[in-house]
C-alpha atoms as a PDB file:
ATOM      1  CA  UNK A   1     192.541-246.310 -63.532  1.00  0.00           C
ATOM      2  CA  UNK A   2     193.630-249.336 -65.039  1.00  0.00           C
ATOM      3  CA  UNK A   3     191.558-252.335 -63.749  1.00  0.00           C
ATOM      4  CA  UNK A   4     191.224-255.817 -65.182  1.00  0.00           C
ATOM      5  CA  UNK A   5     188.091-256.558 -67.086  1.00  0.00           C
ATOM      6  CA  UNK A   6     187.075-259.118 -64.467  1.00  0.00           C
ATOM      7  CA  UNK A   7     187.248-256.616 -61.696  1.00  0.00           C
ATOM      8  CA  UNK A   8     185.337-254.037 -63.536  1.00  0.00           C
ATOM      9  CA  UNK A   9     182.611-256.606 -64.245  1.00  0.00           C
ATOM     10  CA  UNK A  10     182.507-257.794 -60.659  1.00  0.00           C
ATOM     11  CA  UNK A  11     182.059-254.202 -59.545  1.00  0.00           C
ATOM     12  CA  UNK A  12     179.134-253.809 -61.882  1.00  0.00           C
ATOM     13  CA  UNK A  13     177.489-257.035 -60.666  1.00  0.00           C
ATOM     14  CA  UNK A  14     178.053-256.102 -57.033  1.00  0.00           C
ATOM     15  CA  UNK A  15     176.382-252.560 -57.460  1.00  0.00           C
ATOM     16  CA  UNK A  16     173.446-254.210 -59.326  1.00  0.00           C
ATOM     17  CA  UNK A  17     173.222-256.813 -56.555  1.00  0.00           C
ATOM     18  CA  UNK A  18     172.746-253.862 -54.024  1.00  0.00           C
ATOM     19  CA  UNK A  19     170.261-252.090 -56.198  1.00  0.00           C
ATOM     20  CA  UNK A  20     168.099-255.053 -56.752  1.00  0.00           C
ATOM     21  CA  UNK A  21     168.397-256.147 -53.105  1.00  0.00           C
ATOM     22  CA  UNK A  22     166.955-252.820 -51.887  1.00  0.00           C
ATOM     23  CA  UNK A  23     164.363-252.664 -54.470  1.00  0.00           C
ATOM     24  CA  UNK A  24     163.168-256.104 -53.277  1.00  0.00           C
ATOM     25  CA  UNK A  25     163.265-254.831 -49.760  1.00  0.00           C
ATOM     26  CA  UNK A  26     161.132-251.944 -50.545  1.00  0.00           C
ATOM     27  CA  UNK A  27     158.605-254.252 -52.260  1.00  0.00           C
ATOM     28  CA  UNK A  28     158.319-256.585 -49.447  1.00  0.00           C
ATOM     29  CA  UNK A  29     158.276-253.800 -46.851  1.00  0.00           C
ATOM     30  CA  UNK A  30     155.322-252.288 -48.557  1.00  0.00           C
ATOM     31  CA  UNK A  31     153.533-255.639 -48.510  1.00  0.00           C
ATOM     32  CA  UNK A  32     154.155-255.794 -44.724  1.00  0.00           C
ATOM     33  CA  UNK A  33     156.393-258.845 -44.888  1.00  0.00           C
ATOM     34  CA  UNK A  34     159.411-257.030 -43.307  1.00  0.00           C
ATOM     35  CA  UNK A  35     159.027-255.653 -39.666  1.00  0.00           C
ATOM     36  CA  UNK A  36     160.744-252.886 -38.140  1.00  0.00           C
ATOM     37  CA  UNK A  37     162.564-250.114 -39.893  1.00  0.00           C
ATOM     38  CA  UNK A  38     164.769-250.276 -42.961  1.00  0.00           C
ATOM     39  CA  UNK A  39     166.717-247.508 -44.856  1.00  0.00           C
ATOM     40  CA  UNK A  40     167.234-247.910 -48.550  1.00  0.00           C
ATOM     41  CA  UNK A  41     170.785-247.504 -50.185  1.00  0.00           C
ATOM     42  CA  UNK A  42     169.446-247.023 -53.808  1.00  0.00           C
ATOM     43  CA  UNK A  43     171.633-244.466 -55.609  1.00  0.00           C
ATOM     44  CA  UNK A  44     174.548-244.847 -53.370  1.00  0.00           C
ATOM     45  CA  UNK A  45     175.934-248.151 -54.554  1.00  0.00           C
ATOM     46  CA  UNK A  46     179.168-246.693 -56.013  1.00  0.00           C
ATOM     47  CA  UNK A  47     180.410-245.701 -52.559  1.00  0.00           C
ATOM     48  CA  UNK A  48     180.136-249.147 -50.865  1.00  0.00           C
ATOM     49  CA  UNK A  49     181.506-250.923 -53.849  1.00  0.00           C
ATOM     50  CA  UNK A  50     184.243-248.528 -54.714  1.00  0.00           C
ATOM     51  CA  UNK A  51     185.399-248.504 -50.948  1.00  0.00           C
ATOM     52  CA  UNK A  52     185.101-252.314 -50.378  1.00  0.00           C
ATOM     53  CA  UNK A  53     186.601-253.380 -53.711  1.00  0.00           C
ATOM     54  CA  UNK A  54     189.814-251.748 -52.508  1.00  0.00           C
ATOM     55  CA  UNK A  55     189.865-253.619 -49.182  1.00  0.00           C
ATOM     56  CA  UNK A  56     191.154-257.254 -48.678  1.00  0.00           C
ATOM     57  CA  UNK A  57     188.975-259.987 -47.031  1.00  0.00           C
ATOM     58  CA  UNK A  58     191.071-259.358 -43.938  1.00  0.00           C
ATOM     59  CA  UNK A  59     190.261-255.740 -43.663  1.00  0.00           C
ATOM     60  CA  UNK A  60     187.306-254.500 -41.651  1.00  0.00           C
ATOM     61  CA  UNK A  61     184.363-252.155 -42.131  1.00  0.00           C
ATOM     62  CA  UNK A  62     182.039-250.537 -39.735  1.00  0.00           C
ATOM     63  CA  UNK A  63     178.472-249.750 -40.870  1.00  0.00           C
ATOM     64  CA  UNK A  64     175.582-247.547 -39.957  1.00  0.00           C
ATOM     65  CA  UNK A  65     171.725-247.641 -40.145  1.00  0.00           C
ATOM     66  CA  UNK A  66     171.936-247.577 -43.966  1.00  0.00           C
ATOM     67  CA  UNK A  67     174.148-250.669 -44.114  1.00  0.00           C
ATOM     68  CA  UNK A  68     172.638-253.229 -46.384  1.00  0.00           C
ATOM     69  CA  UNK A  69     174.820-251.948 -49.326  1.00  0.00           C
ATOM     70  CA  UNK A  70     178.079-252.011 -47.215  1.00  0.00           C
ATOM     71  CA  UNK A  71     177.529-255.580 -46.248  1.00  0.00           C
ATOM     72  CA  UNK A  72     176.804-256.808 -49.682  1.00  0.00           C
ATOM     73  CA  UNK A  73     179.782-254.942 -51.142  1.00  0.00           C
ATOM     74  CA  UNK A  74     181.986-256.599 -48.363  1.00  0.00           C
ATOM     75  CA  UNK A  75     180.739-259.909 -49.721  1.00  0.00           C
ATOM     76  CA  UNK A  76     178.154-260.940 -47.188  1.00  0.00           C
ATOM     77  CA  UNK A  77     175.613-263.353 -48.899  1.00  0.00           C
ATOM     78  CA  UNK A  78     172.407-261.345 -49.475  1.00  0.00           C
ATOM     79  CA  UNK A  79     170.138-264.227 -48.175  1.00  0.00           C
ATOM     80  CA  UNK A  80     171.576-263.916 -44.773  1.00  0.00           C
ATOM     81  CA  UNK A  81     170.851-259.965 -44.630  1.00  0.00           C
ATOM     82  CA  UNK A  82     167.335-260.755 -46.066  1.00  0.00           C
ATOM     83  CA  UNK A  83     166.776-263.361 -43.383  1.00  0.00           C
ATOM     84  CA  UNK A  84     167.785-260.764 -40.778  1.00  0.00           C
ATOM     85  CA  UNK A  85     165.351-258.277 -42.231  1.00  0.00           C
ATOM     86  CA  UNK A  86     162.634-260.902 -41.702  1.00  0.00           C
ATOM     87  CA  UNK A  87     163.690-261.600 -38.182  1.00  0.00           C
ATOM     88  CA  UNK A  88     164.737-265.141 -38.982  1.00  0.00           C
ATOM     89  CA  UNK A  89     167.443-267.029 -37.120  1.00  0.00           C
ATOM     90  CA  UNK A  90     169.190-267.722 -40.285  1.00  0.00           C
ATOM     91  CA  UNK A  91     170.038-263.906 -40.457  1.00  0.00           C
ATOM     92  CA  UNK A  92     173.433-262.319 -39.873  1.00  0.00           C
ATOM     93  CA  UNK A  93     172.378-261.471 -36.245  1.00  0.00           C
ATOM     94  CA  UNK A  94     170.148-264.574 -35.816  1.00  0.00           C
ATOM     95  CA  UNK A  95     167.096-262.447 -36.484  1.00  0.00           C
ATOM     96  CA  UNK A  96     167.332-260.289 -33.378  1.00  0.00           C
ATOM     97  CA  UNK A  97     169.431-257.337 -34.981  1.00  0.00           C
ATOM     98  CA  UNK A  98     167.207-256.270 -37.656  1.00  0.00           C
ATOM     99  CA  UNK A  99     167.981-254.025 -40.612  1.00  0.00           C
ATOM    100  CA  UNK A 100     170.340-251.588 -39.002  1.00  0.00           C
ATOM    101  CA  UNK A 101     172.690-254.390 -37.581  1.00  0.00           C
ATOM    102  CA  UNK A 102     173.803-256.121 -40.645  1.00  0.00           C
ATOM    103  CA  UNK A 103     176.942-257.357 -38.906  1.00  0.00           C
ATOM    104  CA  UNK A 104     178.813-260.354 -40.249  1.00  0.00           C
ATOM    105  CA  UNK A 105     182.277-261.118 -38.611  1.00  0.00           C
ATOM    106  CA  UNK A 106     183.113-263.771 -41.252  1.00  0.00           C
ATOM    107  CA  UNK A 107     183.446-261.015 -43.952  1.00  0.00           C
ATOM    108  CA  UNK A 108     184.988-258.432 -41.690  1.00  0.00           C
ATOM    109  CA  UNK A 109     181.760-256.488 -41.034  1.00  0.00           C
ATOM    110  CA  UNK A 110     182.529-255.732 -37.418  1.00  0.00           C
ATOM    111  CA  UNK A 111     179.552-253.801 -36.333  1.00  0.00           C
ATOM    112  CA  UNK A 112     176.580-251.757 -37.719  1.00  0.00           C
ATOM    113  CA  UNK A 113     174.978-249.224 -35.550  1.00  0.00           C
ATOM    114  CA  UNK A 114     171.803-247.304 -35.592  1.00  0.00           C
ATOM    115  CA  UNK A 115     173.184-244.507 -33.524  1.00  0.00           C
ATOM    116  CA  UNK A 116     174.298-241.633 -35.834  1.00  0.00           C
ATOM    117  CA  UNK A 117     178.164-241.191 -35.467  1.00  0.00           C
ATOM    118  CA  UNK A 118     178.288-243.908 -33.053  1.00  0.00           C
ATOM    119  CA  UNK A 119     180.740-246.180 -35.169  1.00  0.00           C
ATOM    120  CA  UNK A 120     183.184-243.363 -35.693  1.00  0.00           C
ATOM    121  CA  UNK A 121     184.925-243.759 -32.266  1.00  0.00           C
ATOM    122  CA  UNK A 122     184.631-247.441 -32.681  1.00  0.00           C
ATOM    123  CA  UNK A 123     186.647-247.230 -35.998  1.00  0.00           C
ATOM    124  CA  UNK A 124     189.364-245.396 -34.056  1.00  0.00           C
ATOM    125  CA  UNK A 125     189.238-248.194 -31.394  1.00  0.00           C
ATOM    126  CA  UNK A 126     189.575-250.840 -34.099  1.00  0.00           C
ATOM    127  CA  UNK A 127     192.393-248.960 -35.589  1.00  0.00           C
ATOM    128  CA  UNK A 128     194.161-248.970 -32.297  1.00  0.00           C
ATOM    129  CA  UNK A 129     193.535-252.673 -31.923  1.00  0.00           C
ATOM    130  CA  UNK A 130     195.141-253.244 -35.382  1.00  0.00           C
ATOM    131  CA  UNK A 131     198.158-251.194 -34.302  1.00  0.00           C
ATOM    132  CA  UNK A 132     198.634-252.894 -30.985  1.00  0.00           C
ATOM    133  CA  UNK A 133     198.307-256.302 -32.640  1.00  0.00           C
ATOM    134  CA  UNK A 134     200.803-255.216 -35.317  1.00  0.00           C
ATOM    135  CA  UNK A 135     198.361-256.452 -38.010  1.00  0.00           C
ATOM    136  CA  UNK A 136     198.612-255.529 -41.722  1.00  0.00           C
ATOM    137  CA  UNK A 137     194.973-254.474 -41.733  1.00  0.00           C
ATOM    138  CA  UNK A 138     192.846-251.348 -42.219  1.00  0.00           C
ATOM    139  CA  UNK A 139     189.322-250.330 -41.117  1.00  0.00           C
ATOM    140  CA  UNK A 140     186.790-248.353 -43.172  1.00  0.00           C
ATOM    141  CA  UNK A 141     184.132-246.549 -41.313  1.00  0.00           C
ATOM    142  CA  UNK A 142     180.908-245.435 -43.069  1.00  0.00           C
ATOM    143  CA  UNK A 143     178.681-242.663 -42.012  1.00  0.00           C
ATOM    144  CA  UNK A 144     176.344-239.913 -43.386  1.00  0.00           C
ATOM    145  CA  UNK A 145     176.732-236.119 -43.629  1.00  0.00           C
ATOM    146  CA  UNK A 146     174.636-235.843 -40.446  1.00  0.00           C
ATOM    147  CA  UNK A 147     177.137-237.664 -38.450  1.00  0.00           C
ATOM    148  CA  UNK A 148     179.918-235.001 -38.927  1.00  0.00           C
ATOM    149  CA  UNK A 149     178.068-232.695 -36.567  1.00  0.00           C
ATOM    150  CA  UNK A 150     178.326-235.164 -33.598  1.00  0.00           C
ATOM    151  CA  UNK A 151     181.008-234.998 -31.120  1.00  0.00           C
ATOM    152  CA  UNK A 152     181.844-238.525 -31.770  1.00  0.00           C
ATOM    153  CA  UNK A 153     183.127-237.509 -35.186  1.00  0.00           C
ATOM    154  CA  UNK A 154     185.495-234.891 -33.951  1.00  0.00           C
ATOM    155  CA  UNK A 155     186.734-237.029 -31.056  1.00  0.00           C
ATOM    156  CA  UNK A 156     187.026-240.015 -33.323  1.00  0.00           C
ATOM    157  CA  UNK A 157     189.096-238.491 -36.016  1.00  0.00           C
ATOM    158  CA  UNK A 158     191.270-236.407 -33.707  1.00  0.00           C
ATOM    159  CA  UNK A 159     192.420-239.364 -31.625  1.00  0.00           C
ATOM    160  CA  UNK A 160     192.949-241.366 -34.878  1.00  0.00           C
ATOM    161  CA  UNK A 161     194.984-238.548 -36.238  1.00  0.00           C
ATOM    162  CA  UNK A 162     197.090-238.144 -33.088  1.00  0.00           C
ATOM    163  CA  UNK A 163     198.021-241.849 -33.177  1.00  0.00           C
ATOM    164  CA  UNK A 164     198.127-242.116 -36.920  1.00  0.00           C
ATOM    165  CA  UNK A 165     195.835-245.067 -36.922  1.00  0.00           C
ATOM    166  CA  UNK A 166     194.889-247.162 -40.049  1.00  0.00           C
ATOM    167  CA  UNK A 167     191.280-245.775 -40.384  1.00  0.00           C
ATOM    168  CA  UNK A 168     189.476-244.617 -43.538  1.00  0.00           C
ATOM    169  CA  UNK A 169     186.576-242.480 -42.506  1.00  0.00           C
ATOM    170  CA  UNK A 170     184.042-242.548 -45.348  1.00  0.00           C
ATOM    171  CA  UNK A 171     181.466-239.823 -45.206  1.00  0.00           C
ATOM    172  CA  UNK A 172     178.561-240.616 -47.795  1.00  0.00           C
ATOM    173  CA  UNK A 173     177.205-237.178 -48.242  1.00  0.00           C
ATOM    174  CA  UNK A 174     173.895-237.714 -49.793  1.00  0.00           C
ATOM    175  CA  UNK A 175     172.898-234.211 -48.981  1.00  0.00           C
ATOM    176  CA  UNK A 176     170.130-234.905 -46.434  1.00  0.00           C
ATOM    177  CA  UNK A 177     170.315-235.841 -42.653  1.00  0.00           C
ATOM    178  CA  UNK A 178     166.820-237.326 -42.638  1.00  0.00           C
ATOM    179  CA  UNK A 179     165.000-234.144 -44.048  1.00  0.00           C
ATOM    180  CA  UNK A 180     167.542-231.540 -43.387  1.00  0.00           C
ATOM    181  CA  UNK A 181     169.702-230.348 -46.210  1.00  0.00           C
ATOM    182  CA  UNK A 182     173.412-230.333 -45.612  1.00  0.00           C
ATOM    183  CA  UNK A 183     173.569-226.547 -46.349  1.00  0.00           C
ATOM    184  CA  UNK A 184     171.344-225.998 -43.371  1.00  0.00           C
ATOM    185  CA  UNK A 185     173.437-228.020 -40.924  1.00  0.00           C
ATOM    186  CA  UNK A 186     177.156-227.839 -42.035  1.00  0.00           C
ATOM    187  CA  UNK A 187     179.178-224.777 -43.115  1.00  0.00           C
ATOM    188  CA  UNK A 188     181.734-224.686 -45.722  1.00  0.00           C
ATOM    189  CA  UNK A 189     181.757-226.283 -49.264  1.00  0.00           C
ATOM    190  CA  UNK A 190     183.226-229.628 -48.478  1.00  0.00           C
ATOM    191  CA  UNK A 191     182.872-231.865 -45.463  1.00  0.00           C
ATOM    192  CA  UNK A 192     186.400-233.203 -46.451  1.00  0.00           C
ATOM    193  CA  UNK A 193     187.795-229.676 -45.565  1.00  0.00           C
ATOM    194  CA  UNK A 194     187.333-230.582 -41.883  1.00  0.00           C
ATOM    195  CA  UNK A 195     190.304-232.822 -42.201  1.00  0.00           C
ATOM    196  CA  UNK A 196     192.547-229.746 -42.092  1.00  0.00           C
ATOM    197  CA  UNK A 197     191.716-229.098 -38.475  1.00  0.00           C
ATOM    198  CA  UNK A 198     193.055-232.718 -37.591  1.00  0.00           C
ATOM    199  CA  UNK A 199     196.090-232.711 -39.949  1.00  0.00           C
ATOM    200  CA  UNK A 200     194.944-235.683 -41.879  1.00  0.00           C
ATOM    201  CA  UNK A 201     194.458-236.090 -45.653  1.00  0.00           C
ATOM    202  CA  UNK A 202     190.990-235.300 -46.783  1.00  0.00           C
ATOM    203  CA  UNK A 203     189.297-235.550 -50.301  1.00  0.00           C
ATOM    204  CA  UNK A 204     185.881-234.776 -51.779  1.00  0.00           C
ATOM    205  CA  UNK A 205     185.088-237.082 -54.560  1.00  0.00           C
ATOM    206  CA  UNK A 206     182.283-237.923 -56.946  1.00  0.00           C
ATOM    207  CA  UNK A 207     180.512-240.564 -54.934  1.00  0.00           C
ATOM    208  CA  UNK A 208     178.534-241.624 -57.985  1.00  0.00           C
ATOM    209  CA  UNK A 209     181.710-242.704 -59.855  1.00  0.00           C
ATOM    210  CA  UNK A 210     182.663-246.140 -58.609  1.00  0.00           C
ATOM    211  CA  UNK A 211     186.143-245.939 -60.223  1.00  0.00           C
ATOM    212  CA  UNK A 212     186.899-242.514 -58.499  1.00  0.00           C
ATOM    213  CA  UNK A 213     185.844-243.815 -55.075  1.00  0.00           C
ATOM    214  CA  UNK A 214     187.931-246.913 -55.770  1.00  0.00           C
ATOM    215  CA  UNK A 215     191.031-244.956 -56.714  1.00  0.00           C
ATOM    216  CA  UNK A 216     190.798-242.672 -53.644  1.00  0.00           C
ATOM    217  CA  UNK A 217     190.242-245.588 -51.344  1.00  0.00           C
ATOM    218  CA  UNK A 218     193.287-247.449 -52.654  1.00  0.00           C
ATOM    219  CA  UNK A 219     195.479-244.419 -52.038  1.00  0.00           C
ATOM    220  CA  UNK A 220     193.984-244.242 -48.435  1.00  0.00           C
ATOM    221  CA  UNK A 221     194.651-247.908 -47.817  1.00  0.00           C
ATOM    222  CA  UNK A 222     198.254-247.455 -48.862  1.00  0.00           C
ATOM    223  CA  UNK A 223     198.729-244.406 -46.535  1.00  0.00           C
ATOM    224  CA  UNK A 224     197.210-246.382 -43.684  1.00  0.00           C
ATOM    225  CA  UNK A 225     199.338-249.562 -44.254  1.00  0.00           C
ATOM    226  CA  UNK A 226     202.453-247.359 -44.342  1.00  0.00           C
ATOM    227  CA  UNK A 227     201.523-245.869 -40.961  1.00  0.00           C
ATOM    228  CA  UNK A 228     200.757-242.525 -42.243  1.00  0.00           C
ATOM    229  CA  UNK A 229     197.444-242.261 -40.497  1.00  0.00           C
ATOM    230  CA  UNK A 230     193.684-241.889 -41.280  1.00  0.00           C
ATOM    231  CA  UNK A 231     191.879-240.436 -44.383  1.00  0.00           C
ATOM    232  CA  UNK A 232     188.670-238.520 -44.475  1.00  0.00           C
ATOM    233  CA  UNK A 233     186.932-239.305 -47.770  1.00  0.00           C
ATOM    234  CA  UNK A 234     183.757-237.408 -48.551  1.00  0.00           C
ATOM    235  CA  UNK A 235     181.772-239.127 -51.348  1.00  0.00           C
ATOM    236  CA  UNK A 236     179.110-236.679 -52.870  1.00  0.00           C
ATOM    237  CA  UNK A 237     176.192-238.882 -53.723  1.00  0.00           C
ATOM    238  CA  UNK A 238     172.380-238.989 -53.331  1.00  0.00           C
ATOM    239  CA  UNK A 239     169.737-241.426 -52.154  1.00  0.00           C
ATOM    240  CA  UNK A 240     167.023-241.691 -54.621  1.00  0.00           C
ATOM    241  CA  UNK A 241     164.387-242.862 -52.109  1.00  0.00           C
ATOM    242  CA  UNK A 242     163.182-241.511 -48.756  1.00  0.00           C
ATOM    243  CA  UNK A 243     165.268-241.587 -45.593  1.00  0.00           C
ATOM    244  CA  UNK A 244     163.537-244.794 -44.622  1.00  0.00           C
ATOM    245  CA  UNK A 245     160.884-247.042 -46.334  1.00  0.00           C
ATOM    246  CA  UNK A 246     158.243-245.207 -44.509  1.00  0.00           C
ATOM    247  CA  UNK A 247     159.260-241.929 -46.131  1.00  0.00           C
ATOM    248  CA  UNK A 248     158.469-240.859 -49.774  1.00  0.00           C
ATOM    249  CA  UNK A 249     161.320-238.233 -49.721  1.00  0.00           C
ATOM    250  CA  UNK A 250     159.209-235.707 -51.550  1.00  0.00           C
ATOM    251  CA  UNK A 251     158.061-233.675 -48.555  1.00  0.00           C
ATOM    252  CA  UNK A 252     161.358-231.932 -48.422  1.00  0.00           C
ATOM    253  CA  UNK A 253     162.781-232.569 -51.807  1.00  0.00           C
ATOM    254  CA  UNK A 254     161.269-231.831 -55.285  1.00  0.00           C
ATOM    255  CA  UNK A 255     160.709-234.500 -57.861  1.00  0.00           C
ATOM    256  CA  UNK A 256     162.872-232.439 -60.229  1.00  0.00           C
ATOM    257  CA  UNK A 257     165.753-232.695 -57.800  1.00  0.00           C
ATOM    258  CA  UNK A 258     165.349-236.466 -57.469  1.00  0.00           C
ATOM    259  CA  UNK A 259     165.118-236.981 -61.265  1.00  0.00           C
ATOM    260  CA  UNK A 260     168.172-234.802 -61.946  1.00  0.00           C
ATOM    261  CA  UNK A 261     170.281-237.103 -59.590  1.00  0.00           C
ATOM    262  CA  UNK A 262     168.844-240.306 -61.149  1.00  0.00           C
ATOM    263  CA  UNK A 263     170.428-239.081 -64.446  1.00  0.00           C
ATOM    264  CA  UNK A 264     173.805-239.564 -62.556  1.00  0.00           C
ATOM    265  CA  UNK A 265     173.035-243.270 -61.827  1.00  0.00           C
ATOM    266  CA  UNK A 266     176.279-244.905 -60.877  1.00  0.00           C
ATOM    267  CA  UNK A 267     175.274-248.248 -62.185  1.00  0.00           C
ATOM    268  CA  UNK A 268     174.367-246.877 -65.654  1.00  0.00           C
ATOM    269  CA  UNK A 269     177.519-244.852 -65.646  1.00  0.00           C
ATOM    270  CA  UNK A 270     179.745-247.920 -65.213  1.00  0.00           C
ATOM    271  CA  UNK A 271     177.524-249.827 -67.778  1.00  0.00           C
ATOM    272  CA  UNK A 272     178.214-247.189 -70.392  1.00  0.00           C
ATOM    273  CA  UNK A 273     181.838-247.356 -69.780  1.00  0.00           C
ATOM    274  CA  UNK A 274     181.961-251.201 -70.138  1.00  0.00           C
ATOM    275  CA  UNK A 275     179.996-250.897 -73.404  1.00  0.00           C
ATOM    276  CA  UNK A 276     182.158-248.105 -74.744  1.00  0.00           C
ATOM    277  CA  UNK A 277     185.385-250.015 -74.009  1.00  0.00           C
ATOM    278  CA  UNK A 278     183.792-253.140 -75.481  1.00  0.00           C
ATOM    279  CA  UNK A 279     184.447-255.077 -72.275  1.00  0.00           C
ATOM    280  CA  UNK A 280     181.115-256.834 -72.689  1.00  0.00           C
ATOM    281  CA  UNK A 281     178.159-256.851 -74.922  1.00  0.00           C
ATOM    282  CA  UNK A 282     174.623-255.547 -74.089  1.00  0.00           C
ATOM    283  CA  UNK A 283     173.541-259.375 -74.129  1.00  0.00           C
ATOM    284  CA  UNK A 284     176.283-260.235 -71.579  1.00  0.00           C
ATOM    285  CA  UNK A 285     175.141-257.326 -69.205  1.00  0.00           C
ATOM    286  CA  UNK A 286     171.512-258.435 -69.569  1.00  0.00           C
ATOM    287  CA  UNK A 287     172.478-261.912 -68.615  1.00  0.00           C
ATOM    288  CA  UNK A 288     174.298-260.594 -65.546  1.00  0.00           C
ATOM    289  CA  UNK A 289     171.091-258.683 -64.674  1.00  0.00           C
ATOM    290  CA  UNK A 290     169.028-261.905 -64.850  1.00  0.00           C
ATOM    291  CA  UNK A 291     171.581-263.726 -62.815  1.00  0.00           C
ATOM    292  CA  UNK A 292     171.501-261.020 -60.006  1.00  0.00           C
ATOM    293  CA  UNK A 293     167.787-260.932 -60.026  1.00  0.00           C
ATOM    294  CA  UNK A 294     167.597-264.653 -59.545  1.00  0.00           C
ATOM    295  CA  UNK A 295     170.004-264.458 -56.525  1.00  0.00           C
ATOM    296  CA  UNK A 296     167.858-261.720 -54.973  1.00  0.00           C
ATOM    297  CA  UNK A 297     164.602-263.710 -55.485  1.00  0.00           C
ATOM    298  CA  UNK A 298     166.324-266.815 -53.943  1.00  0.00           C
ATOM    299  CA  UNK A 299     167.422-264.594 -50.976  1.00  0.00           C
ATOM    300  CA  UNK A 300     163.734-263.513 -50.264  1.00  0.00           C
ATOM    301  CA  UNK A 301     162.606-267.162 -50.717  1.00  0.00           C
ATOM    302  CA  UNK A 302     165.241-268.250 -48.216  1.00  0.00           C
ATOM    303  CA  UNK A 303     164.266-265.585 -45.733  1.00  0.00           C
ATOM    304  CA  UNK A 304     160.549-266.565 -46.073  1.00  0.00           C
ATOM    305  CA  UNK A 305     161.302-270.189 -45.404  1.00  0.00           C
ATOM    306  CA  UNK A 306     163.563-269.479 -42.533  1.00  0.00           C
ATOM    307  CA  UNK A 307     162.508-269.979 -38.788  1.00  0.00           C
ATOM    308  CA  UNK A 308     162.195-267.407 -36.084  1.00  0.00           C
ATOM    309  CA  UNK A 309     164.649-267.385 -33.093  1.00  0.00           C
ATOM    310  CA  UNK A 310     163.665-269.406 -30.076  1.00  0.00           C
ATOM    311  CA  UNK A 311     162.885-267.724 -26.724  1.00  0.00           C
ATOM    312  CA  UNK A 312     166.021-269.399 -25.405  1.00  0.00           C
ATOM    313  CA  UNK A 313     168.336-267.796 -28.005  1.00  0.00           C
ATOM    314  CA  UNK A 314     166.750-264.419 -27.494  1.00  0.00           C
ATOM    315  CA  UNK A 315     167.182-264.567 -23.636  1.00  0.00           C
ATOM    316  CA  UNK A 316     170.881-265.316 -24.103  1.00  0.00           C
ATOM    317  CA  UNK A 317     171.502-262.018 -25.682  1.00  0.00           C
ATOM    318  CA  UNK A 318     169.837-259.976 -22.959  1.00  0.00           C
ATOM    319  CA  UNK A 319     171.787-258.660 -19.992  1.00  0.00           C
ATOM    320  CA  UNK A 320     170.244-257.510 -16.823  1.00  0.00           C
END
């Protein structure tokens, strides 16, 4: 793939931003500074960045319970996501949504849901809205391997296929639905092969290769904009940490397995390519690292200094 140097550097920075954000969240969660639940995205950065870098600012995404990375990749300022995690009104949902609802309409992040597979039929609905309004937009819907065994997956992709809607269904196959390995819950070699049943284009790709994800997404976007219907992308990847901040991940996985996947780090992979092709020096990449770390520290400070939502604000979001 022939990408401009600036674009490759931007993708590297964005993946690093996600990684450092999640590491900071993990640190703050362990200190009891962040309430509720949070699900780390460490190891899967290439999927979010590869997909979102192929979208325009006007395109939409729908996220899931592991959504911080998607939102950052879609250019949501990290400080607003961090504030949401702290339950502060400066957050993306004014502090009353929490980690699993990193929605930010200004950047095209329409909704993030904690319900496994719940955003898939929503993606079909958004695709229908785009079609009815005759807009030149697409929607990318992110979900995990566990979601493909829900009725919502089959209903959503089937209807999108029938109506040829501009939806990109992105399955992040990180091998585990909480603690259940994909081989124990899903038959067949590739989840992408399920696309055959709905007569849509499906592709299984290396989810740790940001350029491969970007390339496949660009093709899916072109098909969608031409009116050729949805695409099912299966991005094979791995989460380094547990399912949630409360989970070490080692009860159902071996340390050897985790270490093996860490050797396939998507950020290190792009870093090596940048250095090999002499697009930047070690010093330049180290400088980017410092800049990103500073942004994340500032985000945490912003969240710490934020204020909690008022009772009046909270009651306005309740329906009886």
